[in-house]
Amino acid sequence: MRFTIAQCNPTVGDLSGNLKRIKTVIERVANKTDLIIFSELIVTGYPPQDLLTYTPFKNDIQTTLQALLDYSRGYPDLGLIVGVPMVTKKDRYTNSALVIQNGEVLHQQDKTLLP
């Protein structure tokens, strides 16, 4: 198995820009790797802090995640691990790593030791 660790510089709150960074990495290395591992909270930038309290931002996270899932269908054999805040049943967030392949979330691993 070949994997790539993508060292990007996400901007806090710039979901569309961060998605563009993710897509650029995918386009550059998709034919050379089986799995791309992105950094913690690559989708929102780190740390998103109070942005997570705004409903429009929460909605934009889900829209961006869906756009990434849709985009990943174009690379069906490529796995992605991306960091994204995920909403819990109690309307709180977890700092999660999602394993994505071919438009599906195959696994969600929540961070357990938060600073």
C-alpha atoms as a PDB file:
ATOM      1  CA  MET A   1       0.000   0.000   0.000  1.00  0.00           C
ATOM      2  CA  ARG A   2       1.277   3.445  -0.918  1.00  0.00           C
ATOM      3  CA  PHE A   3       0.182   6.402   1.168  1.00  0.00           C
ATOM      4  CA  THR A   4       0.768  10.137   1.105  1.00  0.00           C
ATOM      5  CA  ILE A   5       0.803  12.493   4.047  1.00  0.00           C
ATOM      6  CA  ALA A   6      -0.509  15.816   2.788  1.00  0.00           C
ATOM      7  CA  GLN A   7       0.975  18.782   4.592  1.00  0.00           C
ATOM      8  CA  CYS A   8      -1.390  21.628   3.715  1.00  0.00           C
ATOM      9  CA  ASN A   9      -1.852  25.010   5.295  1.00  0.00           C
ATOM     10  CA  PRO A  10      -5.619  25.345   5.816  1.00  0.00           C
ATOM     11  CA  THR A  11      -7.126  28.711   6.668  1.00  0.00           C
ATOM     12  CA  VAL A  12      -9.486  28.831   9.643  1.00  0.00           C
ATOM     13  CA  GLY A  13     -13.028  29.391   8.392  1.00  0.00           C
ATOM     14  CA  ASP A  14     -12.194  29.208   4.669  1.00  0.00           C
ATOM     15  CA  LEU A  15     -14.099  26.030   3.850  1.00  0.00           C
ATOM     16  CA  SER A  16     -14.123  26.528   0.085  1.00  0.00           C
ATOM     17  CA  GLY A  17     -10.423  27.401   0.028  1.00  0.00           C
ATOM     18  CA  ASN A  18      -9.565  24.397   2.179  1.00  0.00           C
ATOM     19  CA  LEU A  19     -11.634  22.139  -0.074  1.00  0.00           C
ATOM     20  CA  LYS A  20      -9.725  23.519  -3.042  1.00  0.00           C
ATOM     21  CA  ARG A  21      -6.441  22.677  -1.274  1.00  0.00           C
ATOM     22  CA  ILE A  22      -7.664  19.119  -0.688  1.00  0.00           C
ATOM     23  CA  LYS A  23      -8.700  18.736  -4.332  1.00  0.00           C
ATOM     24  CA  THR A  24      -5.343  20.072  -5.528  1.00  0.00           C
ATOM     25  CA  VAL A  25      -3.480  17.447  -3.502  1.00  0.00           C
ATOM     26  CA  ILE A  26      -5.786  14.710  -4.777  1.00  0.00           C
ATOM     27  CA  GLU A  27      -5.238  15.753  -8.381  1.00  0.00           C
ATOM     28  CA  ARG A  28      -1.455  15.861  -7.937  1.00  0.00           C
ATOM     29  CA  VAL A  29      -0.949  12.463  -6.298  1.00  0.00           C
ATOM     30  CA  ALA A  30      -4.009  10.293  -7.016  1.00  0.00           C
ATOM     31  CA  ASN A  31      -2.210   8.167  -9.584  1.00  0.00           C
ATOM     32  CA  LYS A  32       0.806   7.657  -7.278  1.00  0.00           C
ATOM     33  CA  THR A  33      -0.863   6.618  -4.017  1.00  0.00           C
ATOM     34  CA  ASP A  34      -3.611   4.502  -2.471  1.00  0.00           C
ATOM     35  CA  LEU A  35      -4.352   6.679   0.562  1.00  0.00           C
ATOM     36  CA  ILE A  36      -3.945  10.387   1.303  1.00  0.00           C
ATOM     37  CA  ILE A  37      -3.800  11.434   4.942  1.00  0.00           C
ATOM     38  CA  PHE A  38      -4.718  15.065   5.607  1.00  0.00           C
ATOM     39  CA  SER A  39      -4.186  17.030   8.795  1.00  0.00           C
ATOM     40  CA  GLU A  40      -6.420  17.509  11.793  1.00  0.00           C
ATOM     41  CA  LEU A  41      -9.443  19.691  10.939  1.00  0.00           C
ATOM     42  CA  ILE A  42      -8.256  20.294   7.369  1.00  0.00           C
ATOM     43  CA  VAL A  43     -11.824  21.138   6.323  1.00  0.00           C
ATOM     44  CA  THR A  44     -12.329  24.020   8.772  1.00  0.00           C
ATOM     45  CA  GLY A  45      -8.784  24.951   9.657  1.00  0.00           C
ATOM     46  CA  TYR A  46      -7.454  24.647  13.194  1.00  0.00           C
ATOM     47  CA  PRO A  47      -8.739  25.800  15.629  1.00  0.00           C
ATOM     48  CA  PRO A  48     -12.240  26.832  14.467  1.00  0.00           C
ATOM     49  CA  GLN A  49     -13.199  27.900  18.018  1.00  0.00           C
ATOM     50  CA  ASP A  50     -16.352  30.067  18.137  1.00  0.00           C
ATOM     51  CA  LEU A  51     -17.083  29.619  14.418  1.00  0.00           C
ATOM     52  CA  LEU A  52     -18.643  26.309  15.438  1.00  0.00           C
ATOM     53  CA  THR A  53     -21.384  28.189  17.291  1.00  0.00           C
ATOM     54  CA  TYR A  54     -22.734  29.818  14.120  1.00  0.00           C
ATOM     55  CA  THR A  55     -25.492  27.910  12.351  1.00  0.00           C
ATOM     56  CA  PRO A  56     -24.443  29.021   8.831  1.00  0.00           C
ATOM     57  CA  PHE A  57     -20.913  27.741   9.487  1.00  0.00           C
ATOM     58  CA  LYS A  58     -22.286  24.422  10.759  1.00  0.00           C
ATOM     59  CA  ASN A  59     -24.319  24.093   7.562  1.00  0.00           C
ATOM     60  CA  ASP A  60     -21.315  25.024   5.435  1.00  0.00           C
ATOM     61  CA  ILE A  61     -19.269  22.242   7.056  1.00  0.00           C
ATOM     62  CA  GLN A  62     -21.864  19.673   6.006  1.00  0.00           C
ATOM     63  CA  THR A  63     -22.095  21.156   2.496  1.00  0.00           C
ATOM     64  CA  THR A  64     -18.305  21.088   2.138  1.00  0.00           C
ATOM     65  CA  LEU A  65     -18.115  17.526   3.408  1.00  0.00           C
ATOM     66  CA  GLN A  66     -20.781  16.445   0.918  1.00  0.00           C
ATOM     67  CA  ALA A  67     -18.865  18.194  -1.883  1.00  0.00           C
ATOM     68  CA  LEU A  68     -15.742  16.254  -0.877  1.00  0.00           C
ATOM     69  CA  LEU A  69     -17.673  12.978  -0.808  1.00  0.00           C
ATOM     70  CA  ASP A  70     -19.060  13.718  -4.276  1.00  0.00           C
ATOM     71  CA  TYR A  71     -15.592  14.663  -5.554  1.00  0.00           C
ATOM     72  CA  SER A  72     -14.097  11.439  -4.200  1.00  0.00           C
ATOM     73  CA  ARG A  73     -16.363   9.433  -6.515  1.00  0.00           C
ATOM     74  CA  GLY A  74     -14.099  10.567  -9.337  1.00  0.00           C
ATOM     75  CA  TYR A  75     -11.272   8.635  -7.664  1.00  0.00           C
ATOM     76  CA  PRO A  76     -12.978   5.377  -6.638  1.00  0.00           C
ATOM     77  CA  ASP A  77      -9.779   3.505  -5.735  1.00  0.00           C
ATOM     78  CA  LEU A  78      -8.305   6.315  -3.635  1.00  0.00           C
ATOM     79  CA  GLY A  79      -8.796   6.480   0.130  1.00  0.00           C
ATOM     80  CA  LEU A  80      -8.779   9.754   2.042  1.00  0.00           C
ATOM     81  CA  ILE A  81      -8.427  10.506   5.714  1.00  0.00           C
ATOM     82  CA  VAL A  82      -9.634  14.013   6.497  1.00  0.00           C
ATOM     83  CA  GLY A  83     -10.098  15.899   9.735  1.00  0.00           C
ATOM     84  CA  VAL A  84     -13.488  17.526  10.215  1.00  0.00           C
ATOM     85  CA  PRO A  85     -15.663  18.578  13.148  1.00  0.00           C
ATOM     86  CA  MET A  86     -18.714  16.322  13.351  1.00  0.00           C
ATOM     87  CA  VAL A  87     -21.950  17.094  15.197  1.00  0.00           C
ATOM     88  CA  THR A  88     -22.995  14.734  17.990  1.00  0.00           C
ATOM     89  CA  LYS A  89     -26.525  13.880  19.049  1.00  0.00           C
ATOM     90  CA  LYS A  90     -26.301  16.552  21.761  1.00  0.00           C
ATOM     91  CA  ASP A  91     -25.527  19.261  19.146  1.00  0.00           C
ATOM     92  CA  ARG A  92     -21.887  19.344  20.195  1.00  0.00           C
ATOM     93  CA  TYR A  93     -18.840  18.697  18.073  1.00  0.00           C
ATOM     94  CA  THR A  94     -16.221  15.996  17.985  1.00  0.00           C
ATOM     95  CA  ASN A  95     -12.840  16.472  16.385  1.00  0.00           C
ATOM     96  CA  SER A  96     -13.015  13.552  13.966  1.00  0.00           C
ATOM     97  CA  ALA A  97     -10.975  11.809  11.314  1.00  0.00           C
ATOM     98  CA  LEU A  98     -13.092  10.395   8.496  1.00  0.00           C
ATOM     99  CA  VAL A  99     -11.955   7.609   6.204  1.00  0.00           C
ATOM    100  CA  ILE A 100     -13.518   8.341   2.814  1.00  0.00           C
ATOM    101  CA  GLN A 101     -13.543   6.307  -0.367  1.00  0.00           C
ATOM    102  CA  ASN A 102     -15.700   6.522  -3.486  1.00  0.00           C
ATOM    103  CA  GLY A 103     -18.244   8.920  -2.004  1.00  0.00           C
ATOM    104  CA  GLU A 104     -18.707   7.125   1.307  1.00  0.00           C
ATOM    105  CA  VAL A 105     -17.538   7.610   4.866  1.00  0.00           C
ATOM    106  CA  LEU A 106     -16.133   4.191   5.733  1.00  0.00           C
ATOM    107  CA  HIS A 107     -15.128   5.038   9.287  1.00  0.00           C
ATOM    108  CA  GLN A 108     -15.255   7.908  11.768  1.00  0.00           C
ATOM    109  CA  GLN A 109     -12.675   8.093  14.551  1.00  0.00           C
ATOM    110  CA  ASP A 110     -13.306  10.783  17.153  1.00  0.00           C
ATOM    111  CA  LYS A 111     -10.448  12.344  19.053  1.00  0.00           C
ATOM    112  CA  THR A 112     -10.654  11.239  22.669  1.00  0.00           C
ATOM    113  CA  LEU A 113      -7.988  13.314  24.417  1.00  0.00           C
ATOM    114  CA  LEU A 114      -8.848  16.956  23.894  1.00  0.00           C
ATOM    115  CA  PRO A 115      -6.581  19.707  25.241  1.00  0.00           C
END
